[in-house]
Amino acid sequence: MQKSGQASLMAELYEQVENHYVNSYLLRLNDSWQVHVDAAPMWDATPVPAQRTFYATQVAPYRQKDQKICVIISDAMRYEVAEELLARVRGLDRYDAEIEPML
């Protein structure tokens, strides 16, 4: 639709497809996932560290040494984008960078 240059011709179909996707697929998927989340006795994904430990494990060691640290946190950044950013930072040959998941 976007590439056709004829968005108005496809608008009604686009809206129908989007509504079907959101209401028939995503809503059901979310509801099914929520059942498992609600039933879980605790939210854990060992060995992935918990977000509540972030400052103590990732930032405090640098601050205790009076070192500077830059942290980028994004729950919406795709892994591929993070990998590209990591490569660019490391390519500067002045800094070190890491990618680590947290829950």
N, C-alpha and C. Protein backbone atom coordinates (compact mmCIF):
# COMPACT_ATOMS: atom_id res chain seq x y z
N MET A 1 0.83 -1.19 0.00
CA MET A 1 0.00 0.00 0.00
C MET A 1 0.87 1.25 0.00
N GLN A 2 1.89 1.24 0.85
CA GLN A 2 2.75 2.43 0.95
C GLN A 2 3.57 2.64 -0.31
N LYS A 3 4.02 1.57 -0.93
CA LYS A 3 4.85 1.68 -2.11
C LYS A 3 4.04 1.95 -3.38
N SER A 4 2.76 1.65 -3.34
CA SER A 4 1.94 1.79 -4.55
C SER A 4 1.71 3.25 -4.94
N GLY A 5 1.75 4.13 -3.97
CA GLY A 5 1.41 5.52 -4.26
C GLY A 5 -0.10 5.73 -4.38
N GLN A 6 -0.84 4.69 -4.13
CA GLN A 6 -2.30 4.72 -4.23
C GLN A 6 -2.93 4.36 -2.88
N ALA A 7 -2.46 4.99 -1.85
CA ALA A 7 -2.89 4.64 -0.49
C ALA A 7 -4.39 4.73 -0.31
N SER A 8 -5.02 5.68 -0.94
CA SER A 8 -6.47 5.84 -0.76
C SER A 8 -7.24 4.66 -1.33
N LEU A 9 -6.71 4.03 -2.39
CA LEU A 9 -7.39 2.87 -2.97
C LEU A 9 -7.35 1.67 -2.03
N MET A 10 -6.30 1.58 -1.25
CA MET A 10 -6.10 0.43 -0.38
C MET A 10 -6.49 0.70 1.07
N ALA A 11 -6.90 1.89 1.38
CA ALA A 11 -7.15 2.28 2.77
C ALA A 11 -8.16 1.38 3.47
N GLU A 12 -9.27 1.08 2.81
CA GLU A 12 -10.31 0.27 3.43
C GLU A 12 -9.81 -1.15 3.68
N LEU A 13 -9.12 -1.73 2.71
CA LEU A 13 -8.56 -3.07 2.88
C LEU A 13 -7.50 -3.08 3.98
N TYR A 14 -6.66 -2.06 3.99
CA TYR A 14 -5.63 -1.94 5.03
C TYR A 14 -6.27 -1.92 6.41
N GLU A 15 -7.31 -1.15 6.57
CA GLU A 15 -7.98 -1.03 7.87
C GLU A 15 -8.59 -2.37 8.28
N GLN A 16 -9.18 -3.09 7.34
CA GLN A 16 -9.76 -4.40 7.65
C GLN A 16 -8.68 -5.40 8.08
N VAL A 17 -7.59 -5.42 7.34
CA VAL A 17 -6.50 -6.35 7.68
C VAL A 17 -5.91 -5.99 9.04
N GLU A 18 -5.66 -4.71 9.28
CA GLU A 18 -5.11 -4.27 10.57
C GLU A 18 -6.04 -4.62 11.72
N ASN A 19 -7.33 -4.37 11.56
CA ASN A 19 -8.29 -4.70 12.62
C ASN A 19 -8.34 -6.20 12.88
N HIS A 20 -8.30 -7.00 11.82
CA HIS A 20 -8.31 -8.45 11.98
C HIS A 20 -7.05 -8.91 12.71
N TYR A 21 -5.91 -8.38 12.34
CA TYR A 21 -4.64 -8.73 12.98
C TYR A 21 -4.66 -8.38 14.47
N VAL A 22 -5.09 -7.17 14.78
CA VAL A 22 -5.10 -6.72 16.17
C VAL A 22 -6.12 -7.48 17.01
N ASN A 23 -7.34 -7.62 16.48
CA ASN A 23 -8.42 -8.19 17.28
C ASN A 23 -8.47 -9.72 17.26
N SER A 24 -8.09 -10.32 16.15
CA SER A 24 -8.20 -11.78 16.05
C SER A 24 -6.90 -12.49 16.40
N TYR A 25 -5.78 -11.84 16.19
CA TYR A 25 -4.50 -12.49 16.47
C TYR A 25 -3.84 -11.97 17.73
N LEU A 26 -3.51 -10.69 17.75
CA LEU A 26 -2.78 -10.14 18.89
C LEU A 26 -3.55 -10.23 20.20
N LEU A 27 -4.83 -9.95 20.17
CA LEU A 27 -5.64 -10.00 21.39
C LEU A 27 -5.67 -11.43 21.95
N ARG A 28 -5.88 -12.41 21.08
CA ARG A 28 -5.91 -13.81 21.54
C ARG A 28 -4.53 -14.25 22.04
N LEU A 29 -3.48 -13.85 21.32
CA LEU A 29 -2.13 -14.19 21.75
C LEU A 29 -1.84 -13.58 23.12
N ASN A 30 -2.18 -12.32 23.29
CA ASN A 30 -1.95 -11.64 24.57
C ASN A 30 -2.74 -12.32 25.70
N ASP A 31 -3.99 -12.65 25.44
CA ASP A 31 -4.80 -13.30 26.47
C ASP A 31 -4.22 -14.66 26.86
N SER A 32 -3.74 -15.43 25.88
CA SER A 32 -3.14 -16.73 26.17
C SER A 32 -1.84 -16.58 26.96
N TRP A 33 -1.05 -15.61 26.59
CA TRP A 33 0.21 -15.35 27.28
C TRP A 33 -0.06 -14.90 28.71
N GLN A 34 -1.06 -14.07 28.91
CA GLN A 34 -1.37 -13.54 30.23
C GLN A 34 -1.76 -14.66 31.20
N VAL A 35 -2.42 -15.70 30.71
CA VAL A 35 -2.77 -16.84 31.56
C VAL A 35 -1.51 -17.45 32.16
N HIS A 36 -0.47 -17.60 31.36
CA HIS A 36 0.79 -18.17 31.85
C HIS A 36 1.52 -17.22 32.81
N VAL A 37 1.47 -15.94 32.51
CA VAL A 37 2.10 -14.95 33.38
C VAL A 37 1.41 -14.95 34.74
N ASP A 38 0.09 -14.97 34.73
CA ASP A 38 -0.67 -14.96 35.99
C ASP A 38 -0.42 -16.22 36.81
N ALA A 39 -0.19 -17.34 36.14
CA ALA A 39 0.01 -18.61 36.85
C ALA A 39 1.43 -18.79 37.37
N ALA A 40 2.35 -18.00 36.91
CA ALA A 40 3.75 -18.15 37.31
C ALA A 40 3.92 -17.75 38.78
N PRO A 41 4.57 -18.61 39.57
CA PRO A 41 4.78 -18.26 40.99
C PRO A 41 5.76 -17.10 41.15
N MET A 42 6.68 -16.95 40.18
CA MET A 42 7.59 -15.82 40.18
C MET A 42 8.04 -15.57 38.75
N TRP A 43 8.44 -14.35 38.49
CA TRP A 43 8.87 -13.96 37.15
C TRP A 43 10.38 -14.11 37.10
N ASP A 44 10.84 -15.18 36.46
CA ASP A 44 12.25 -15.50 36.45
C ASP A 44 12.63 -16.11 35.11
N ALA A 45 13.83 -15.82 34.67
CA ALA A 45 14.34 -16.40 33.43
C ALA A 45 15.83 -16.69 33.59
N THR A 46 16.18 -17.37 34.65
CA THR A 46 17.57 -17.69 34.92
C THR A 46 18.21 -18.27 33.66
N PRO A 47 19.35 -17.80 33.27
CA PRO A 47 20.35 -16.99 33.95
C PRO A 47 20.25 -15.49 33.65
N VAL A 48 19.17 -15.04 33.02
CA VAL A 48 19.03 -13.62 32.72
C VAL A 48 18.79 -12.86 34.02
N PRO A 49 19.63 -11.85 34.33
CA PRO A 49 19.48 -11.14 35.60
C PRO A 49 18.21 -10.28 35.65
N ALA A 50 17.72 -10.09 36.86
CA ALA A 50 16.52 -9.28 37.08
C ALA A 50 16.86 -7.80 36.96
N GLN A 51 15.93 -7.05 36.43
CA GLN A 51 16.12 -5.61 36.25
C GLN A 51 16.38 -4.90 37.58
N ARG A 52 15.81 -5.40 38.65
CA ARG A 52 15.97 -4.74 39.95
C ARG A 52 17.42 -4.71 40.42
N THR A 53 18.27 -5.57 39.83
CA THR A 53 19.69 -5.59 40.21
C THR A 53 20.54 -4.72 39.29
N PHE A 54 19.91 -4.03 38.35
CA PHE A 54 20.64 -3.30 37.32
C PHE A 54 21.67 -2.33 37.88
N TYR A 55 21.23 -1.41 38.73
CA TYR A 55 22.16 -0.39 39.22
C TYR A 55 23.32 -1.03 39.98
N ALA A 56 23.00 -1.92 40.88
CA ALA A 56 24.04 -2.53 41.73
C ALA A 56 25.05 -3.32 40.91
N THR A 57 24.60 -4.00 39.87
CA THR A 57 25.52 -4.87 39.12
C THR A 57 26.16 -4.19 37.91
N GLN A 58 25.47 -3.23 37.32
CA GLN A 58 25.96 -2.66 36.07
C GLN A 58 26.52 -1.25 36.18
N VAL A 59 26.03 -0.46 37.11
CA VAL A 59 26.44 0.94 37.20
C VAL A 59 27.33 1.21 38.41
N ALA A 60 26.93 0.70 39.56
CA ALA A 60 27.64 1.00 40.81
C ALA A 60 29.14 0.71 40.75
N PRO A 61 29.58 -0.40 40.15
CA PRO A 61 31.03 -0.65 40.11
C PRO A 61 31.81 0.47 39.41
N TYR A 62 31.24 1.06 38.39
CA TYR A 62 31.91 2.17 37.69
C TYR A 62 31.88 3.45 38.53
N ARG A 63 30.75 3.69 39.16
CA ARG A 63 30.61 4.91 39.99
C ARG A 63 31.52 4.84 41.21
N GLN A 64 31.71 3.66 41.77
CA GLN A 64 32.58 3.51 42.93
C GLN A 64 34.03 3.83 42.58
N LYS A 65 34.39 3.64 41.33
CA LYS A 65 35.75 3.96 40.85
C LYS A 65 35.80 5.36 40.24
N ASP A 66 34.69 6.09 40.36
CA ASP A 66 34.56 7.44 39.80
C ASP A 66 34.80 7.45 38.28
N GLN A 67 34.35 6.39 37.62
CA GLN A 67 34.46 6.29 36.18
C GLN A 67 33.14 6.69 35.53
N LYS A 68 33.23 7.19 34.32
CA LYS A 68 32.03 7.54 33.58
C LYS A 68 31.47 6.30 32.90
N ILE A 69 30.15 6.28 32.79
CA ILE A 69 29.47 5.16 32.13
C ILE A 69 28.26 5.71 31.39
N CYS A 70 28.00 5.18 30.24
CA CYS A 70 26.81 5.53 29.45
C CYS A 70 25.99 4.27 29.29
N VAL A 71 24.71 4.35 29.57
CA VAL A 71 23.83 3.20 29.49
C VAL A 71 22.69 3.53 28.54
N ILE A 72 22.43 2.64 27.61
CA ILE A 72 21.27 2.77 26.72
C ILE A 72 20.33 1.63 27.07
N ILE A 73 19.13 1.99 27.48
CA ILE A 73 18.13 1.00 27.85
C ILE A 73 16.96 1.14 26.89
N SER A 74 16.58 0.05 26.29
CA SER A 74 15.44 0.10 25.39
C SER A 74 14.74 -1.24 25.35
N ASP A 75 13.46 -1.25 25.65
CA ASP A 75 12.72 -2.49 25.51
C ASP A 75 12.16 -2.64 24.10
N ALA A 76 12.38 -1.63 23.28
CA ALA A 76 11.86 -1.69 21.92
C ALA A 76 12.96 -1.77 20.87
N MET A 77 14.20 -1.74 21.28
CA MET A 77 15.29 -1.79 20.30
C MET A 77 15.50 -3.23 19.84
N ARG A 78 15.43 -3.44 18.57
CA ARG A 78 15.68 -4.77 18.02
C ARG A 78 17.13 -5.16 18.26
N TYR A 79 17.35 -6.44 18.44
CA TYR A 79 18.69 -6.94 18.70
C TYR A 79 19.64 -6.55 17.57
N GLU A 80 19.16 -6.61 16.33
CA GLU A 80 20.01 -6.28 15.20
C GLU A 80 20.48 -4.82 15.25
N VAL A 81 19.61 -3.94 15.69
CA VAL A 81 19.96 -2.53 15.82
C VAL A 81 20.99 -2.36 16.93
N ALA A 82 20.79 -3.06 18.03
CA ALA A 82 21.75 -3.00 19.14
C ALA A 82 23.11 -3.54 18.71
N GLU A 83 23.13 -4.61 17.92
CA GLU A 83 24.39 -5.16 17.41
C GLU A 83 25.12 -4.13 16.54
N GLU A 84 24.38 -3.43 15.70
CA GLU A 84 24.98 -2.41 14.84
C GLU A 84 25.56 -1.28 15.68
N LEU A 85 24.81 -0.83 16.68
CA LEU A 85 25.29 0.23 17.57
C LEU A 85 26.54 -0.24 18.31
N LEU A 86 26.53 -1.47 18.78
CA LEU A 86 27.69 -2.05 19.47
C LEU A 86 28.92 -2.02 18.56
N ALA A 87 28.75 -2.44 17.31
CA ALA A 87 29.87 -2.46 16.37
C ALA A 87 30.42 -1.05 16.11
N ARG A 88 29.52 -0.09 16.03
CA ARG A 88 29.96 1.29 15.78
C ARG A 88 30.71 1.87 16.97
N VAL A 89 30.23 1.61 18.16
CA VAL A 89 30.91 2.11 19.36
C VAL A 89 32.29 1.46 19.48
N ARG A 90 32.34 0.16 19.29
CA ARG A 90 33.63 -0.53 19.36
C ARG A 90 34.56 -0.08 18.24
N GLY A 91 33.98 0.28 17.09
CA GLY A 91 34.77 0.74 15.96
C GLY A 91 35.45 2.08 16.19
N LEU A 92 34.98 2.83 17.16
CA LEU A 92 35.60 4.11 17.50
C LEU A 92 36.98 3.89 18.12
N ASP A 93 37.21 2.70 18.62
CA ASP A 93 38.48 2.31 19.22
C ASP A 93 38.86 3.20 20.41
N ARG A 94 37.84 3.76 21.06
CA ARG A 94 38.07 4.58 22.25
C ARG A 94 37.25 4.08 23.43
N TYR A 95 36.25 3.26 23.12
CA TYR A 95 35.31 2.84 24.15
C TYR A 95 35.11 1.33 24.07
N ASP A 96 34.53 0.79 25.11
CA ASP A 96 34.13 -0.59 25.10
C ASP A 96 32.61 -0.61 25.22
N ALA A 97 31.98 -1.63 24.73
CA ALA A 97 30.52 -1.73 24.78
C ALA A 97 30.12 -3.18 24.90
N GLU A 98 28.97 -3.41 25.50
CA GLU A 98 28.44 -4.75 25.68
C GLU A 98 26.92 -4.71 25.50
N ILE A 99 26.37 -5.84 25.11
CA ILE A 99 24.92 -6.01 25.07
C ILE A 99 24.59 -7.09 26.09
N GLU A 100 23.67 -6.78 26.99
CA GLU A 100 23.26 -7.76 28.00
C GLU A 100 21.77 -7.67 28.21
N PRO A 101 21.09 -8.81 28.26
CA PRO A 101 19.64 -8.80 28.52
C PRO A 101 19.36 -8.65 30.02
N MET A 102 18.19 -8.15 30.32
CA MET A 102 17.69 -8.12 31.70
C MET A 102 16.21 -8.36 31.63
N LEU A 103 15.66 -8.88 32.70
CA LEU A 103 14.24 -9.17 32.76
C LEU A 103 13.58 -8.25 33.75
